């Protein structure tokens, strides 16, 4: 008589930023889990993976534009490469700015830990990709933009708190200029 094999035990969700499926990492970042951001700040092997996530976020965020370009331009593949390259350059520049701001505030995070947490703080900008398909009334009221900005600022706040290991109020003061630079550079490099 054949019996059923024993059930495979379920593995817990991997919160290590350099391990597990990318979708789980993005969901953890989008859910604003402080323990996830703290793990990202401490994960010394995760900087390369977060660079790939920065490229993925940029490609997804600009996907409506890239799709349109693919339908009209024969060399649209160069736009993919340029989008990823600009995303990495922007990430490095925002990380340097964050390092300067945190040094002025007398906190001592490493550049790489700032890069890791700031990469995940970019996850809410994926909402930009859905903007063309939203109802016109919501676009007129700027509700998606307001939601994305509040979400991104909150993610930046949690990221800075995890990287600097400081109080919430001090992390908020650090997050304001960093968030503003993130937004300005995003507007400059997107589409």
C-alpha atoms as a PDB file:
ATOM      1  CA  UNK A   1       0.000   0.000   0.000  1.00  0.00           C
ATOM      2  CA  UNK A   2       1.295   3.448  -0.951  1.00  0.00           C
ATOM      3  CA  UNK A   3       1.242   6.165   1.617  1.00  0.00           C
ATOM      4  CA  UNK A   4       1.424   9.871   1.091  1.00  0.00           C
ATOM      5  CA  UNK A   5       4.832  11.411   1.595  1.00  0.00           C
ATOM      6  CA  UNK A   6       5.220  13.502   4.727  1.00  0.00           C
ATOM      7  CA  UNK A   7       4.261  17.159   4.235  1.00  0.00           C
ATOM      8  CA  UNK A   8       7.054  19.566   3.492  1.00  0.00           C
ATOM      9  CA  UNK A   9       7.453  21.987   6.400  1.00  0.00           C
ATOM     10  CA  UNK A  10       6.823  25.623   5.501  1.00  0.00           C
ATOM     11  CA  UNK A  11       9.759  27.921   5.753  1.00  0.00           C
ATOM     12  CA  UNK A  12       9.301  31.289   7.471  1.00  0.00           C
ATOM     13  CA  UNK A  13       9.447  34.476   5.425  1.00  0.00           C
ATOM     14  CA  UNK A  14      13.071  35.413   4.957  1.00  0.00           C
ATOM     15  CA  UNK A  15      13.629  38.959   6.111  1.00  0.00           C
ATOM     16  CA  UNK A  16      17.327  39.026   5.276  1.00  0.00           C
ATOM     17  CA  UNK A  17      17.626  41.648   2.524  1.00  0.00           C
ATOM     18  CA  UNK A  18      20.215  39.655   0.590  1.00  0.00           C
ATOM     19  CA  UNK A  19      18.255  36.402   0.796  1.00  0.00           C
ATOM     20  CA  UNK A  20      14.909  35.191  -0.352  1.00  0.00           C
ATOM     21  CA  UNK A  21      12.755  36.188  -3.289  1.00  0.00           C
ATOM     22  CA  UNK A  22      12.880  39.804  -4.421  1.00  0.00           C
ATOM     23  CA  UNK A  23       9.109  40.143  -4.100  1.00  0.00           C
ATOM     24  CA  UNK A  24       9.300  39.299  -0.378  1.00  0.00           C
ATOM     25  CA  UNK A  25      11.954  41.972   0.103  1.00  0.00           C
ATOM     26  CA  UNK A  26       9.916  44.580  -1.755  1.00  0.00           C
ATOM     27  CA  UNK A  27       6.781  43.681   0.197  1.00  0.00           C
ATOM     28  CA  UNK A  28       8.680  43.961   3.488  1.00  0.00           C
ATOM     29  CA  UNK A  29       9.982  47.376   2.400  1.00  0.00           C
ATOM     30  CA  UNK A  30       6.530  48.521   1.262  1.00  0.00           C
ATOM     31  CA  UNK A  31       4.988  47.360   4.545  1.00  0.00           C
ATOM     32  CA  UNK A  32       7.464  49.682   6.310  1.00  0.00           C
ATOM     33  CA  UNK A  33       8.715  46.953   8.647  1.00  0.00           C
ATOM     34  CA  UNK A  34      11.367  48.512  10.914  1.00  0.00           C
ATOM     35  CA  UNK A  35      12.963  45.114  11.575  1.00  0.00           C
ATOM     36  CA  UNK A  36      13.428  44.651   7.839  1.00  0.00           C
ATOM     37  CA  UNK A  37      15.130  48.035   7.459  1.00  0.00           C
ATOM     38  CA  UNK A  38      17.325  47.262  10.494  1.00  0.00           C
ATOM     39  CA  UNK A  39      18.303  43.950   8.873  1.00  0.00           C
ATOM     40  CA  UNK A  40      19.069  45.771   5.616  1.00  0.00           C
ATOM     41  CA  UNK A  41      21.302  48.248   7.432  1.00  0.00           C
ATOM     42  CA  UNK A  42      23.192  45.419   9.141  1.00  0.00           C
ATOM     43  CA  UNK A  43      23.462  43.134   6.099  1.00  0.00           C
ATOM     44  CA  UNK A  44      27.022  43.768   4.881  1.00  0.00           C
ATOM     45  CA  UNK A  45      26.584  41.380   1.939  1.00  0.00           C
ATOM     46  CA  UNK A  46      23.370  42.979   0.663  1.00  0.00           C
ATOM     47  CA  UNK A  47      24.643  46.062  -1.174  1.00  0.00           C
ATOM     48  CA  UNK A  48      24.879  44.344  -4.561  1.00  0.00           C
ATOM     49  CA  UNK A  49      21.383  42.918  -4.230  1.00  0.00           C
ATOM     50  CA  UNK A  50      19.994  46.333  -3.369  1.00  0.00           C
ATOM     51  CA  UNK A  51      21.694  47.769  -6.454  1.00  0.00           C
ATOM     52  CA  UNK A  52      19.780  45.245  -8.522  1.00  0.00           C
ATOM     53  CA  UNK A  53      16.584  46.209  -6.699  1.00  0.00           C
ATOM     54  CA  UNK A  54      17.221  49.888  -7.508  1.00  0.00           C
ATOM     55  CA  UNK A  55      17.450  48.959 -11.203  1.00  0.00           C
ATOM     56  CA  UNK A  56      14.295  46.847 -10.975  1.00  0.00           C
ATOM     57  CA  UNK A  57      12.342  49.621  -9.235  1.00  0.00           C
ATOM     58  CA  UNK A  58      13.455  52.146 -11.878  1.00  0.00           C
ATOM     59  CA  UNK A  59      12.486  49.850 -14.752  1.00  0.00           C
ATOM     60  CA  UNK A  60       9.093  49.086 -13.201  1.00  0.00           C
ATOM     61  CA  UNK A  61       8.485  52.730 -12.327  1.00  0.00           C
ATOM     62  CA  UNK A  62       9.241  53.835 -15.893  1.00  0.00           C
ATOM     63  CA  UNK A  63       7.556  50.842 -17.543  1.00  0.00           C
ATOM     64  CA  UNK A  64       4.685  52.807 -19.163  1.00  0.00           C
ATOM     65  CA  UNK A  65       7.190  55.119 -20.840  1.00  0.00           C
ATOM     66  CA  UNK A  66       9.502  52.246 -21.783  1.00  0.00           C
ATOM     67  CA  UNK A  67       6.599  50.288 -23.259  1.00  0.00           C
ATOM     68  CA  UNK A  68       5.552  53.246 -25.397  1.00  0.00           C
ATOM     69  CA  UNK A  69       9.151  53.697 -26.500  1.00  0.00           C
ATOM     70  CA  UNK A  70       9.402  50.013 -27.432  1.00  0.00           C
ATOM     71  CA  UNK A  71       6.441  50.439 -29.771  1.00  0.00           C
ATOM     72  CA  UNK A  72       7.836  53.478 -31.571  1.00  0.00           C
ATOM     73  CA  UNK A  73      11.649  53.339 -31.491  1.00  0.00           C
ATOM     74  CA  UNK A  74      13.878  50.585 -32.876  1.00  0.00           C
ATOM     75  CA  UNK A  75      16.696  51.296 -30.363  1.00  0.00           C
ATOM     76  CA  UNK A  76      14.465  51.197 -27.278  1.00  0.00           C
ATOM     77  CA  UNK A  77      16.816  48.728 -25.565  1.00  0.00           C
ATOM     78  CA  UNK A  78      19.247  51.582 -25.012  1.00  0.00           C
ATOM     79  CA  UNK A  79      16.557  53.303 -22.947  1.00  0.00           C
ATOM     80  CA  UNK A  80      16.478  50.264 -20.651  1.00  0.00           C
ATOM     81  CA  UNK A  81      20.224  50.464 -20.129  1.00  0.00           C
ATOM     82  CA  UNK A  82      20.114  54.221 -19.614  1.00  0.00           C
ATOM     83  CA  UNK A  83      17.241  53.909 -17.110  1.00  0.00           C
ATOM     84  CA  UNK A  84      19.193  51.392 -15.035  1.00  0.00           C
ATOM     85  CA  UNK A  85      22.424  53.387 -15.234  1.00  0.00           C
ATOM     86  CA  UNK A  86      20.728  56.645 -14.209  1.00  0.00           C
ATOM     87  CA  UNK A  87      19.016  54.840 -11.332  1.00  0.00           C
ATOM     88  CA  UNK A  88      22.354  53.563 -10.036  1.00  0.00           C
ATOM     89  CA  UNK A  89      23.995  56.981 -10.381  1.00  0.00           C
ATOM     90  CA  UNK A  90      21.073  58.643  -8.623  1.00  0.00           C
ATOM     91  CA  UNK A  91      21.218  56.038  -5.847  1.00  0.00           C
ATOM     92  CA  UNK A  92      24.937  56.679  -5.321  1.00  0.00           C
ATOM     93  CA  UNK A  93      24.445  60.463  -5.296  1.00  0.00           C
ATOM     94  CA  UNK A  94      21.551  60.339  -2.822  1.00  0.00           C
ATOM     95  CA  UNK A  95      23.629  57.977  -0.668  1.00  0.00           C
ATOM     96  CA  UNK A  96      26.527  60.454  -0.637  1.00  0.00           C
ATOM     97  CA  UNK A  97      24.160  63.269   0.289  1.00  0.00           C
ATOM     98  CA  UNK A  98      22.676  61.127   3.076  1.00  0.00           C
ATOM     99  CA  UNK A  99      26.174  60.362   4.345  1.00  0.00           C
ATOM    100  CA  UNK A 100      27.027  64.089   4.429  1.00  0.00           C
ATOM    101  CA  UNK A 101      23.779  64.947   6.234  1.00  0.00           C
ATOM    102  CA  UNK A 102      24.250  62.164   8.762  1.00  0.00           C
ATOM    103  CA  UNK A 103      27.850  63.226   9.410  1.00  0.00           C
ATOM    104  CA  UNK A 104      26.692  66.811  10.017  1.00  0.00           C
ATOM    105  CA  UNK A 105      24.205  65.425  12.529  1.00  0.00           C
ATOM    106  CA  UNK A 106      27.049  63.506  14.206  1.00  0.00           C
ATOM    107  CA  UNK A 107      25.758  60.053  13.447  1.00  0.00           C
ATOM    108  CA  UNK A 108      28.095  57.447  12.006  1.00  0.00           C
ATOM    109  CA  UNK A 109      26.358  55.142   9.533  1.00  0.00           C
ATOM    110  CA  UNK A 110      28.454  53.615   6.800  1.00  0.00           C
ATOM    111  CA  UNK A 111      27.930  54.614   3.192  1.00  0.00           C
ATOM    112  CA  UNK A 112      27.000  51.056   2.248  1.00  0.00           C
ATOM    113  CA  UNK A 113      24.397  50.740   5.022  1.00  0.00           C
ATOM    114  CA  UNK A 114      22.830  54.015   3.853  1.00  0.00           C
ATOM    115  CA  UNK A 115      22.763  52.723   0.282  1.00  0.00           C
ATOM    116  CA  UNK A 116      21.006  49.532   1.361  1.00  0.00           C
ATOM    117  CA  UNK A 117      18.251  51.177   3.386  1.00  0.00           C
ATOM    118  CA  UNK A 118      17.703  54.019   0.921  1.00  0.00           C
ATOM    119  CA  UNK A 119      17.277  51.492  -1.899  1.00  0.00           C
ATOM    120  CA  UNK A 120      14.372  49.892  -0.075  1.00  0.00           C
ATOM    121  CA  UNK A 121      12.961  53.325   0.813  1.00  0.00           C
ATOM    122  CA  UNK A 122      12.525  53.835  -2.950  1.00  0.00           C
ATOM    123  CA  UNK A 123       9.997  51.000  -3.188  1.00  0.00           C
ATOM    124  CA  UNK A 124       6.870  53.208  -2.810  1.00  0.00           C
ATOM    125  CA  UNK A 125       7.837  55.107  -5.967  1.00  0.00           C
ATOM    126  CA  UNK A 126       6.576  52.065  -7.862  1.00  0.00           C
ATOM    127  CA  UNK A 127       3.149  53.731  -7.627  1.00  0.00           C
ATOM    128  CA  UNK A 128       4.256  56.050 -10.427  1.00  0.00           C
ATOM    129  CA  UNK A 129       3.921  53.130 -12.842  1.00  0.00           C
ATOM    130  CA  UNK A 130       0.168  52.917 -12.148  1.00  0.00           C
ATOM    131  CA  UNK A 131      -0.498  56.613 -12.704  1.00  0.00           C
ATOM    132  CA  UNK A 132      -1.551  56.309 -16.392  1.00  0.00           C
ATOM    133  CA  UNK A 133      -4.269  53.784 -15.506  1.00  0.00           C
ATOM    134  CA  UNK A 134      -5.837  55.644 -12.593  1.00  0.00           C
ATOM    135  CA  UNK A 135      -9.209  57.363 -12.965  1.00  0.00           C
ATOM    136  CA  UNK A 136      -8.954  60.990 -14.122  1.00  0.00           C
ATOM    137  CA  UNK A 137     -10.657  62.291 -10.967  1.00  0.00           C
ATOM    138  CA  UNK A 138      -7.956  60.851  -8.715  1.00  0.00           C
ATOM    139  CA  UNK A 139      -5.265  62.297 -10.960  1.00  0.00           C
ATOM    140  CA  UNK A 140      -6.852  65.744 -10.766  1.00  0.00           C
ATOM    141  CA  UNK A 141      -6.854  65.614  -6.980  1.00  0.00           C
ATOM    142  CA  UNK A 142      -3.249  64.348  -6.916  1.00  0.00           C
ATOM    143  CA  UNK A 143      -4.276  61.625  -4.465  1.00  0.00           C
ATOM    144  CA  UNK A 144      -1.867  58.989  -5.835  1.00  0.00           C
ATOM    145  CA  UNK A 145       1.002  61.483  -5.750  1.00  0.00           C
ATOM    146  CA  UNK A 146       0.203  62.535  -2.193  1.00  0.00           C
ATOM    147  CA  UNK A 147      -0.013  58.896  -1.086  1.00  0.00           C
ATOM    148  CA  UNK A 148       3.273  58.034  -2.774  1.00  0.00           C
ATOM    149  CA  UNK A 149       5.046  61.037  -1.242  1.00  0.00           C
ATOM    150  CA  UNK A 150       3.818  60.311   2.281  1.00  0.00           C
ATOM    151  CA  UNK A 151       4.695  56.631   1.883  1.00  0.00           C
ATOM    152  CA  UNK A 152       8.163  57.395   0.499  1.00  0.00           C
ATOM    153  CA  UNK A 153       8.914  59.927   3.240  1.00  0.00           C
ATOM    154  CA  UNK A 154       7.842  57.430   5.899  1.00  0.00           C
ATOM    155  CA  UNK A 155      10.054  54.765   4.315  1.00  0.00           C
ATOM    156  CA  UNK A 156      12.974  57.219   4.251  1.00  0.00           C
ATOM    157  CA  UNK A 157      12.372  58.047   7.905  1.00  0.00           C
ATOM    158  CA  UNK A 158      12.361  54.370   8.884  1.00  0.00           C
ATOM    159  CA  UNK A 159      15.442  53.772   6.718  1.00  0.00           C
ATOM    160  CA  UNK A 160      17.389  56.608   8.312  1.00  0.00           C
ATOM    161  CA  UNK A 161      16.411  55.479  11.781  1.00  0.00           C
ATOM    162  CA  UNK A 162      17.654  51.969  10.995  1.00  0.00           C
ATOM    163  CA  UNK A 163      20.923  53.150   9.443  1.00  0.00           C
ATOM    164  CA  UNK A 164      21.792  55.741  12.087  1.00  0.00           C
ATOM    165  CA  UNK A 165      20.330  53.869  15.084  1.00  0.00           C
ATOM    166  CA  UNK A 166      19.034  57.108  16.516  1.00  0.00           C
ATOM    167  CA  UNK A 167      15.795  58.455  17.949  1.00  0.00           C
ATOM    168  CA  UNK A 168      12.692  58.920  15.827  1.00  0.00           C
ATOM    169  CA  UNK A 169      12.833  62.721  16.078  1.00  0.00           C
ATOM    170  CA  UNK A 170      16.476  62.892  15.066  1.00  0.00           C
ATOM    171  CA  UNK A 171      15.852  60.447  12.211  1.00  0.00           C
ATOM    172  CA  UNK A 172      12.978  62.686  11.052  1.00  0.00           C
ATOM    173  CA  UNK A 173      15.316  65.695  10.887  1.00  0.00           C
ATOM    174  CA  UNK A 174      17.756  63.609   8.860  1.00  0.00           C
ATOM    175  CA  UNK A 175      15.027  62.251   6.582  1.00  0.00           C
ATOM    176  CA  UNK A 176      13.604  65.627   5.487  1.00  0.00           C
ATOM    177  CA  UNK A 177      16.568  66.879   3.388  1.00  0.00           C
ATOM    178  CA  UNK A 178      17.341  63.380   2.132  1.00  0.00           C
ATOM    179  CA  UNK A 179      13.743  62.872   1.013  1.00  0.00           C
ATOM    180  CA  UNK A 180      13.762  66.237  -0.774  1.00  0.00           C
ATOM    181  CA  UNK A 181      16.940  65.313  -2.646  1.00  0.00           C
ATOM    182  CA  UNK A 182      15.425  61.926  -3.513  1.00  0.00           C
ATOM    183  CA  UNK A 183      12.354  63.609  -4.988  1.00  0.00           C
ATOM    184  CA  UNK A 184      14.289  66.264  -6.903  1.00  0.00           C
ATOM    185  CA  UNK A 185      16.663  63.716  -8.428  1.00  0.00           C
ATOM    186  CA  UNK A 186      13.757  61.398  -9.231  1.00  0.00           C
ATOM    187  CA  UNK A 187      12.068  64.169 -11.198  1.00  0.00           C
ATOM    188  CA  UNK A 188      15.344  64.918 -12.993  1.00  0.00           C
ATOM    189  CA  UNK A 189      16.065  61.359 -14.122  1.00  0.00           C
ATOM    190  CA  UNK A 190      12.587  59.914 -14.712  1.00  0.00           C
ATOM    191  CA  UNK A 191      11.430  59.844 -18.325  1.00  0.00           C
END
